[in-house]
């Protein structure tokens, strides 16, 4: 049976060759708020993370599983909630 293997891992683990080689598809989550990103740069952050995953994956398919921005709560670095 030929079933593609996909596991989620933090982006820094993609730099470890054995983890990248063991999968067929790369899944990533992008939460710029929790990395202290300014809301005005959130889309650039997500695009950057996607490009990093593409490079680390050596041509493997990359899927963004989750992304978002909280509408309430506390500040995270330069990230402010929407309300």
PDB file of N, CA and C in Angstrom:
ATOM      1  N   UNK A   1       0.842  -1.168   0.000  1.00  0.00           N
ATOM      2  CA  UNK A   1       0.000   0.000   0.000  1.00  0.00           C
ATOM      3  C   UNK A   1       0.895   1.242   0.000  1.00  0.00           C
ATOM      4  N   UNK A   2       0.640   2.173  -0.890  1.00  0.00           N
ATOM      5  CA  UNK A   2       1.431   3.383  -1.003  1.00  0.00           C
ATOM      6  C   UNK A   2       0.636   4.559  -0.436  1.00  0.00           C
ATOM      7  N   UNK A   3       0.876   4.872   0.841  1.00  0.00           N
ATOM      8  CA  UNK A   3       0.164   5.940   1.523  1.00  0.00           C
ATOM      9  C   UNK A   3       1.162   7.045   1.858  1.00  0.00           C
ATOM     10  N   UNK A   4       0.901   8.294   1.424  1.00  0.00           N
ATOM     11  CA  UNK A   4       1.827   9.386   1.744  1.00  0.00           C
ATOM     12  C   UNK A   4       1.904   9.619   3.254  1.00  0.00           C
ATOM     13  N   UNK A   5       3.096   9.872   3.735  1.00  0.00           N
ATOM     14  CA  UNK A   5       3.306  10.148   5.150  1.00  0.00           C
ATOM     15  C   UNK A   5       3.433  11.646   5.356  1.00  0.00           C
ATOM     16  N   UNK A   6       2.639  12.178   6.269  1.00  0.00           N
ATOM     17  CA  UNK A   6       2.718  13.590   6.628  1.00  0.00           C
ATOM     18  C   UNK A   6       2.623  13.703   8.133  1.00  0.00           C
ATOM     19  N   UNK A   7       3.554  14.429   8.714  1.00  0.00           N
ATOM     20  CA  UNK A   7       3.484  14.719  10.141  1.00  0.00           C
ATOM     21  C   UNK A   7       3.730  16.204  10.324  1.00  0.00           C
ATOM     22  N   UNK A   8       3.166  16.750  11.386  1.00  0.00           N
ATOM     23  CA  UNK A   8       3.387  18.151  11.688  1.00  0.00           C
ATOM     24  C   UNK A   8       4.591  18.247  12.601  1.00  0.00           C
ATOM     25  N   UNK A   9       5.397  19.274  12.393  1.00  0.00           N
ATOM     26  CA  UNK A   9       6.529  19.524  13.269  1.00  0.00           C
ATOM     27  C   UNK A   9       6.827  21.014  13.283  1.00  0.00           C
ATOM     28  N   UNK A  10       7.366  21.526  14.376  1.00  0.00           N
ATOM     29  CA  UNK A  10       7.769  22.929  14.364  1.00  0.00           C
ATOM     30  C   UNK A  10       8.785  23.177  13.245  1.00  0.00           C
ATOM     31  N   UNK A  11       8.763  24.367  12.681  1.00  0.00           N
ATOM     32  CA  UNK A  11       9.592  24.696  11.526  1.00  0.00           C
ATOM     33  C   UNK A  11      11.075  24.430  11.781  1.00  0.00           C
ATOM     34  N   UNK A  12      11.551  24.630  13.017  1.00  0.00           N
ATOM     35  CA  UNK A  12      12.976  24.422  13.270  1.00  0.00           C
ATOM     36  C   UNK A  12      13.381  22.958  13.121  1.00  0.00           C
ATOM     37  N   UNK A  13      12.428  22.042  13.274  1.00  0.00           N
ATOM     38  CA  UNK A  13      12.754  20.627  13.096  1.00  0.00           C
ATOM     39  C   UNK A  13      12.953  20.256  11.635  1.00  0.00           C
ATOM     40  N   UNK A  14      12.457  21.081  10.720  1.00  0.00           N
ATOM     41  CA  UNK A  14      12.651  20.795   9.304  1.00  0.00           C
ATOM     42  C   UNK A  14      14.117  20.900   8.911  1.00  0.00           C
ATOM     43  N   UNK A  15      14.886  21.597   9.716  1.00  0.00           N
ATOM     44  CA  UNK A  15      16.309  21.735   9.422  1.00  0.00           C
ATOM     45  C   UNK A  15      17.084  20.466   9.758  1.00  0.00           C
ATOM     46  N   UNK A  16      16.459  19.540  10.456  1.00  0.00           N
ATOM     47  CA  UNK A  16      17.085  18.258  10.773  1.00  0.00           C
ATOM     48  C   UNK A  16      16.785  17.306   9.618  1.00  0.00           C
ATOM     49  N   UNK A  17      17.775  16.964   8.822  1.00  0.00           N
ATOM     50  CA  UNK A  17      17.547  16.207   7.584  1.00  0.00           C
ATOM     51  C   UNK A  17      16.734  14.920   7.741  1.00  0.00           C
ATOM     52  N   UNK A  18      16.940  14.153   8.784  1.00  0.00           N
ATOM     53  CA  UNK A  18      16.227  12.875   8.921  1.00  0.00           C
ATOM     54  C   UNK A  18      14.724  13.079   9.046  1.00  0.00           C
ATOM     55  N   UNK A  19      14.301  14.173   9.688  1.00  0.00           N
ATOM     56  CA  UNK A  19      12.868  14.436   9.829  1.00  0.00           C
ATOM     57  C   UNK A  19      12.272  14.798   8.477  1.00  0.00           C
ATOM     58  N   UNK A  20      12.937  15.655   7.720  1.00  0.00           N
ATOM     59  CA  UNK A  20      12.444  16.048   6.405  1.00  0.00           C
ATOM     60  C   UNK A  20      12.402  14.898   5.423  1.00  0.00           C
ATOM     61  N   UNK A  21      13.383  14.014   5.499  1.00  0.00           N
ATOM     62  CA  UNK A  21      13.445  12.878   4.569  1.00  0.00           C
ATOM     63  C   UNK A  21      12.373  11.837   4.857  1.00  0.00           C
ATOM     64  N   UNK A  22      11.888  11.790   6.077  1.00  0.00           N
ATOM     65  CA  UNK A  22      10.959  10.737   6.482  1.00  0.00           C
ATOM     66  C   UNK A  22       9.520  11.000   6.078  1.00  0.00           C
ATOM     67  N   UNK A  23       9.243  12.119   5.506  1.00  0.00           N
ATOM     68  CA  UNK A  23       7.859  12.445   5.166  1.00  0.00           C
ATOM     69  C   UNK A  23       7.707  12.753   3.687  1.00  0.00           C
ATOM     70  N   UNK A  24       6.478  12.660   3.230  1.00  0.00           N
ATOM     71  CA  UNK A  24       6.153  12.957   1.834  1.00  0.00           C
ATOM     72  C   UNK A  24       5.537  14.348   1.683  1.00  0.00           C
ATOM     73  N   UNK A  25       4.870  14.804   2.730  1.00  0.00           N
ATOM     74  CA  UNK A  25       4.184  16.090   2.733  1.00  0.00           C
ATOM     75  C   UNK A  25       4.561  16.812   4.024  1.00  0.00           C
ATOM     76  N   UNK A  26       4.751  18.118   3.940  1.00  0.00           N
ATOM     77  CA  UNK A  26       5.093  18.905   5.116  1.00  0.00           C
ATOM     78  C   UNK A  26       3.892  19.751   5.509  1.00  0.00           C
ATOM     79  N   UNK A  27       3.490  19.653   6.773  1.00  0.00           N
ATOM     80  CA  UNK A  27       2.395  20.449   7.328  1.00  0.00           C
ATOM     81  C   UNK A  27       2.989  21.472   8.281  1.00  0.00           C
ATOM     82  N   UNK A  28       2.547  22.718   8.149  1.00  0.00           N
ATOM     83  CA  UNK A  28       3.018  23.745   9.067  1.00  0.00           C
ATOM     84  C   UNK A  28       1.838  24.546   9.611  1.00  0.00           C
ATOM     85  N   UNK A  29       2.034  25.115  10.788  1.00  0.00           N
ATOM     86  CA  UNK A  29       1.094  26.050  11.389  1.00  0.00           C
ATOM     87  C   UNK A  29       1.796  27.397  11.456  1.00  0.00           C
ATOM     88  N   UNK A  30       1.111  28.458  11.116  1.00  0.00           N
ATOM     89  CA  UNK A  30       1.699  29.802  11.117  1.00  0.00           C
ATOM     90  C   UNK A  30       0.879  30.717  12.010  1.00  0.00           C
ATOM     91  N   UNK A  31       1.467  31.124  13.103  1.00  0.00           N
ATOM     92  CA  UNK A  31       0.810  32.042  14.031  1.00  0.00           C
ATOM     93  C   UNK A  31       1.719  33.224  14.299  1.00  0.00           C
ATOM     94  N   UNK A  32       1.719  34.223  13.407  1.00  0.00           N
ATOM     95  CA  UNK A  32       2.618  35.361  13.579  1.00  0.00           C
ATOM     96  C   UNK A  32       2.410  36.115  14.900  1.00  0.00           C
ATOM     97  N   UNK A  33       1.175  36.145  15.406  1.00  0.00           N
ATOM     98  CA  UNK A  33       0.907  36.838  16.671  1.00  0.00           C
ATOM     99  C   UNK A  33       1.769  36.270  17.782  1.00  0.00           C
ATOM    100  N   UNK A  34       1.836  34.965  17.896  1.00  0.00           N
ATOM    101  CA  UNK A  34       2.554  34.320  18.999  1.00  0.00           C
ATOM    102  C   UNK A  34       4.065  34.449  18.848  1.00  0.00           C
ATOM    103  N   UNK A  35       4.508  34.883  17.679  1.00  0.00           N
ATOM    104  CA  UNK A  35       5.934  35.160  17.479  1.00  0.00           C
ATOM    105  C   UNK A  35       6.227  36.648  17.647  1.00  0.00           C
ATOM    106  N   UNK A  36       5.216  37.411  18.107  1.00  0.00           N
ATOM    107  CA  UNK A  36       5.401  38.826  18.373  1.00  0.00           C
ATOM    108  C   UNK A  36       5.429  39.687  17.126  1.00  0.00           C
ATOM    109  N   UNK A  37       4.838  39.213  16.059  1.00  0.00           N
ATOM    110  CA  UNK A  37       4.841  39.922  14.782  1.00  0.00           C
ATOM    111  C   UNK A  37       3.790  41.040  14.773  1.00  0.00           C
ATOM    112  N   UNK A  38       4.149  42.186  14.227  1.00  0.00           N
ATOM    113  CA  UNK A  38       3.203  43.274  14.027  1.00  0.00           C
ATOM    114  C   UNK A  38       2.142  42.819  13.023  1.00  0.00           C
ATOM    115  N   UNK A  39       0.875  43.180  13.262  1.00  0.00           N
ATOM    116  CA  UNK A  39      -0.226  42.759  12.396  1.00  0.00           C
ATOM    117  C   UNK A  39       0.004  43.152  10.928  1.00  0.00           C
ATOM    118  N   UNK A  40       0.651  44.275  10.705  1.00  0.00           N
ATOM    119  CA  UNK A  40       0.893  44.744   9.343  1.00  0.00           C
ATOM    120  C   UNK A  40       1.873  43.860   8.572  1.00  0.00           C
ATOM    121  N   UNK A  41       2.608  43.019   9.274  1.00  0.00           N
ATOM    122  CA  UNK A  41       3.589  42.143   8.638  1.00  0.00           C
ATOM    123  C   UNK A  41       3.210  40.665   8.733  1.00  0.00           C
ATOM    124  N   UNK A  42       2.001  40.380   9.191  1.00  0.00           N
ATOM    125  CA  UNK A  42       1.571  38.990   9.403  1.00  0.00           C
ATOM    126  C   UNK A  42       1.588  38.178   8.112  1.00  0.00           C
ATOM    127  N   UNK A  43       1.092  38.744   7.029  1.00  0.00           N
ATOM    128  CA  UNK A  43       1.072  38.008   5.762  1.00  0.00           C
ATOM    129  C   UNK A  43       2.488  37.742   5.271  1.00  0.00           C
ATOM    130  N   UNK A  44       3.379  38.710   5.413  1.00  0.00           N
ATOM    131  CA  UNK A  44       4.781  38.494   5.034  1.00  0.00           C
ATOM    132  C   UNK A  44       5.404  37.389   5.870  1.00  0.00           C
ATOM    133  N   UNK A  45       5.074  37.366   7.161  1.00  0.00           N
ATOM    134  CA  UNK A  45       5.586  36.312   8.052  1.00  0.00           C
ATOM    135  C   UNK A  45       5.121  34.946   7.578  1.00  0.00           C
ATOM    136  N   UNK A  46       3.841  34.823   7.256  1.00  0.00           N
ATOM    137  CA  UNK A  46       3.290  33.542   6.805  1.00  0.00           C
ATOM    138  C   UNK A  46       3.949  33.114   5.496  1.00  0.00           C
ATOM    139  N   UNK A  47       4.118  34.043   4.563  1.00  0.00           N
ATOM    140  CA  UNK A  47       4.778  33.719   3.299  1.00  0.00           C
ATOM    141  C   UNK A  47       6.220  33.280   3.531  1.00  0.00           C
ATOM    142  N   UNK A  48       6.905  33.930   4.467  1.00  0.00           N
ATOM    143  CA  UNK A  48       8.282  33.565   4.784  1.00  0.00           C
ATOM    144  C   UNK A  48       8.355  32.157   5.363  1.00  0.00           C
ATOM    145  N   UNK A  49       7.459  31.831   6.286  1.00  0.00           N
ATOM    146  CA  UNK A  49       7.448  30.490   6.883  1.00  0.00           C
ATOM    147  C   UNK A  49       7.162  29.429   5.818  1.00  0.00           C
ATOM    148  N   UNK A  50       6.265  29.737   4.904  1.00  0.00           N
ATOM    149  CA  UNK A  50       5.949  28.812   3.816  1.00  0.00           C
ATOM    150  C   UNK A  50       7.187  28.580   2.943  1.00  0.00           C
ATOM    151  N   UNK A  51       7.888  29.662   2.595  1.00  0.00           N
ATOM    152  CA  UNK A  51       9.093  29.543   1.767  1.00  0.00           C
ATOM    153  C   UNK A  51      10.178  28.757   2.497  1.00  0.00           C
ATOM    154  N   UNK A  52      10.327  28.969   3.793  1.00  0.00           N
ATOM    155  CA  UNK A  52      11.316  28.208   4.574  1.00  0.00           C
ATOM    156  C   UNK A  52      10.987  26.719   4.558  1.00  0.00           C
ATOM    157  N   UNK A  53       9.704  26.418   4.694  1.00  0.00           N
ATOM    158  CA  UNK A  53       9.291  25.009   4.667  1.00  0.00           C
ATOM    159  C   UNK A  53       9.547  24.397   3.298  1.00  0.00           C
ATOM    160  N   UNK A  54       9.283  25.153   2.221  1.00  0.00           N
ATOM    161  CA  UNK A  54       9.564  24.652   0.869  1.00  0.00           C
ATOM    162  C   UNK A  54      11.042  24.341   0.693  1.00  0.00           C
ATOM    163  N   UNK A  55      11.891  25.249   1.140  1.00  0.00           N
ATOM    164  CA  UNK A  55      13.334  25.036   1.020  1.00  0.00           C
ATOM    165  C   UNK A  55      13.795  23.848   1.856  1.00  0.00           C
ATOM    166  N   UNK A  56      13.322  23.787   3.092  1.00  0.00           N
ATOM    167  CA  UNK A  56      13.723  22.696   3.984  1.00  0.00           C
ATOM    168  C   UNK A  56      13.190  21.352   3.496  1.00  0.00           C
ATOM    169  N   UNK A  57      12.038  21.374   2.836  1.00  0.00           N
ATOM    170  CA  UNK A  57      11.419  20.143   2.376  1.00  0.00           C
ATOM    171  C   UNK A  57      11.990  19.603   1.086  1.00  0.00           C
ATOM    172  N   UNK A  58      12.892  20.355   0.478  1.00  0.00           N
ATOM    173  CA  UNK A  58      13.568  19.857  -0.717  1.00  0.00           C
ATOM    174  C   UNK A  58      12.599  19.466  -1.826  1.00  0.00           C
ATOM    175  N   UNK A  59      11.616  20.334  -2.078  1.00  0.00           N
ATOM    176  CA  UNK A  59      10.683  20.084  -3.165  1.00  0.00           C
ATOM    177  C   UNK A  59       9.425  19.327  -2.787  1.00  0.00           C
ATOM    178  N   UNK A  60       9.284  18.969  -1.525  1.00  0.00           N
ATOM    179  CA  UNK A  60       8.076  18.264  -1.090  1.00  0.00           C
ATOM    180  C   UNK A  60       6.910  19.243  -0.948  1.00  0.00           C
ATOM    181  N   UNK A  61       5.705  18.725  -1.066  1.00  0.00           N
ATOM    182  CA  UNK A  61       4.507  19.550  -0.948  1.00  0.00           C
ATOM    183  C   UNK A  61       4.395  20.109   0.468  1.00  0.00           C
ATOM    184  N   UNK A  62       4.053  21.395   0.565  1.00  0.00           N
ATOM    185  CA  UNK A  62       3.873  22.068   1.854  1.00  0.00           C
ATOM    186  C   UNK A  62       2.426  22.519   1.965  1.00  0.00           C
ATOM    187  N   UNK A  63       1.795  22.203   3.088  1.00  0.00           N
ATOM    188  CA  UNK A  63       0.411  22.598   3.348  1.00  0.00           C
ATOM    189  C   UNK A  63       0.370  23.360   4.664  1.00  0.00           C
ATOM    190  N   UNK A  64      -0.232  24.544   4.640  1.00  0.00           N
ATOM    191  CA  UNK A  64      -0.450  25.289   5.876  1.00  0.00           C
ATOM    192  C   UNK A  64      -1.724  24.750   6.505  1.00  0.00           C
ATOM    193  N   UNK A  65      -1.582  24.116   7.666  1.00  0.00           N
ATOM    194  CA  UNK A  65      -2.742  23.521   8.342  1.00  0.00           C
ATOM    195  C   UNK A  65      -3.537  24.554   9.129  1.00  0.00           C
ATOM    196  N   UNK A  66      -2.837  25.422   9.811  1.00  0.00           N
ATOM    197  CA  UNK A  66      -3.512  26.410  10.653  1.00  0.00           C
ATOM    198  C   UNK A  66      -2.795  27.743  10.558  1.00  0.00           C
ATOM    199  N   UNK A  67      -3.584  28.802  10.651  1.00  0.00           N
ATOM    200  CA  UNK A  67      -3.049  30.145  10.810  1.00  0.00           C
ATOM    201  C   UNK A  67      -4.170  30.998  11.366  1.00  0.00           C
ATOM    202  N   UNK A  68      -3.818  32.108  11.947  1.00  0.00           N
ATOM    203  CA  UNK A  68      -4.860  32.957  12.491  1.00  0.00           C
ATOM    204  C   UNK A  68      -4.300  34.063  13.348  1.00  0.00           C
ATOM    205  N   UNK A  69      -5.191  34.878  13.856  1.00  0.00           N
ATOM    206  CA  UNK A  69      -4.851  36.020  14.689  1.00  0.00           C
ATOM    207  C   UNK A  69      -5.948  36.157  15.730  1.00  0.00           C
ATOM    208  N   UNK A  70      -5.606  36.234  17.022  1.00  0.00           N
ATOM    209  CA  UNK A  70      -6.639  36.313  18.049  1.00  0.00           C
ATOM    210  C   UNK A  70      -7.377  37.653  18.029  1.00  0.00           C
ATOM    211  N   UNK A  71      -8.629  37.627  18.400  1.00  0.00           N
ATOM    212  CA  UNK A  71      -9.414  38.857  18.426  1.00  0.00           C
ATOM    213  C   UNK A  71      -9.454  39.476  19.820  1.00  0.00           C
ATOM    214  N   UNK A  72      -9.000  38.745  20.836  1.00  0.00           N
ATOM    215  CA  UNK A  72      -8.938  39.310  22.175  1.00  0.00           C
ATOM    216  C   UNK A  72      -7.871  38.584  22.970  1.00  0.00           C
ATOM    217  N   UNK A  73      -7.477  39.154  24.093  1.00  0.00           N
ATOM    218  CA  UNK A  73      -6.451  38.548  24.937  1.00  0.00           C
ATOM    219  C   UNK A  73      -5.325  39.536  25.202  1.00  0.00           C
ATOM    220  N   UNK A  74      -4.159  39.007  25.474  1.00  0.00           N
ATOM    221  CA  UNK A  74      -3.022  39.853  25.830  1.00  0.00           C
ATOM    222  C   UNK A  74      -2.119  40.130  24.623  1.00  0.00           C
ATOM    223  N   UNK A  75      -1.238  41.106  24.785  1.00  0.00           N
ATOM    224  CA  UNK A  75      -0.277  41.464  23.744  1.00  0.00           C
ATOM    225  C   UNK A  75       0.857  40.445  23.732  1.00  0.00           C
ATOM    226  N   UNK A  76       1.391  40.156  22.561  1.00  0.00           N
ATOM    227  CA  UNK A  76       2.534  39.253  22.415  1.00  0.00           C
ATOM    228  C   UNK A  76       3.598  39.965  21.595  1.00  0.00           C
ATOM    229  N   UNK A  77       4.615  40.506  22.246  1.00  0.00           N
ATOM    230  CA  UNK A  77       5.625  41.284  21.532  1.00  0.00           C
ATOM    231  C   UNK A  77       4.973  42.481  20.883  1.00  0.00           C
ATOM    232  N   UNK A  78       5.127  42.638  19.575  1.00  0.00           N
ATOM    233  CA  UNK A  78       4.482  43.731  18.849  1.00  0.00           C
ATOM    234  C   UNK A  78       3.097  43.332  18.359  1.00  0.00           C
ATOM    235  N   UNK A  79       2.709  42.073  18.610  1.00  0.00           N
ATOM    236  CA  UNK A  79       1.395  41.605  18.174  1.00  0.00           C
ATOM    237  C   UNK A  79       0.296  42.078  19.103  1.00  0.00           C
ATOM    238  N   UNK A  80      -0.679  42.775  18.544  1.00  0.00           N
ATOM    239  CA  UNK A  80      -1.833  43.241  19.307  1.00  0.00           C
ATOM    240  C   UNK A  80      -3.065  42.492  18.858  1.00  0.00           C
ATOM    241  N   UNK A  81      -3.957  42.182  19.785  1.00  0.00           N
ATOM    242  CA  UNK A  81      -5.212  41.536  19.405  1.00  0.00           C
ATOM    243  C   UNK A  81      -6.073  42.507  18.605  1.00  0.00           C
ATOM    244  N   UNK A  82      -7.072  41.997  17.930  1.00  0.00           N
ATOM    245  CA  UNK A  82      -7.883  42.819  17.047  1.00  0.00           C
ATOM    246  C   UNK A  82      -8.843  43.753  17.757  1.00  0.00           C
ATOM    247  N   UNK A  83      -9.232  43.443  18.985  1.00  0.00           N
ATOM    248  CA  UNK A  83     -10.164  44.323  19.718  1.00  0.00           C
ATOM    249  C   UNK A  83      -9.443  45.211  20.684  1.00  0.00           C
TER     250      UNK A  83
END
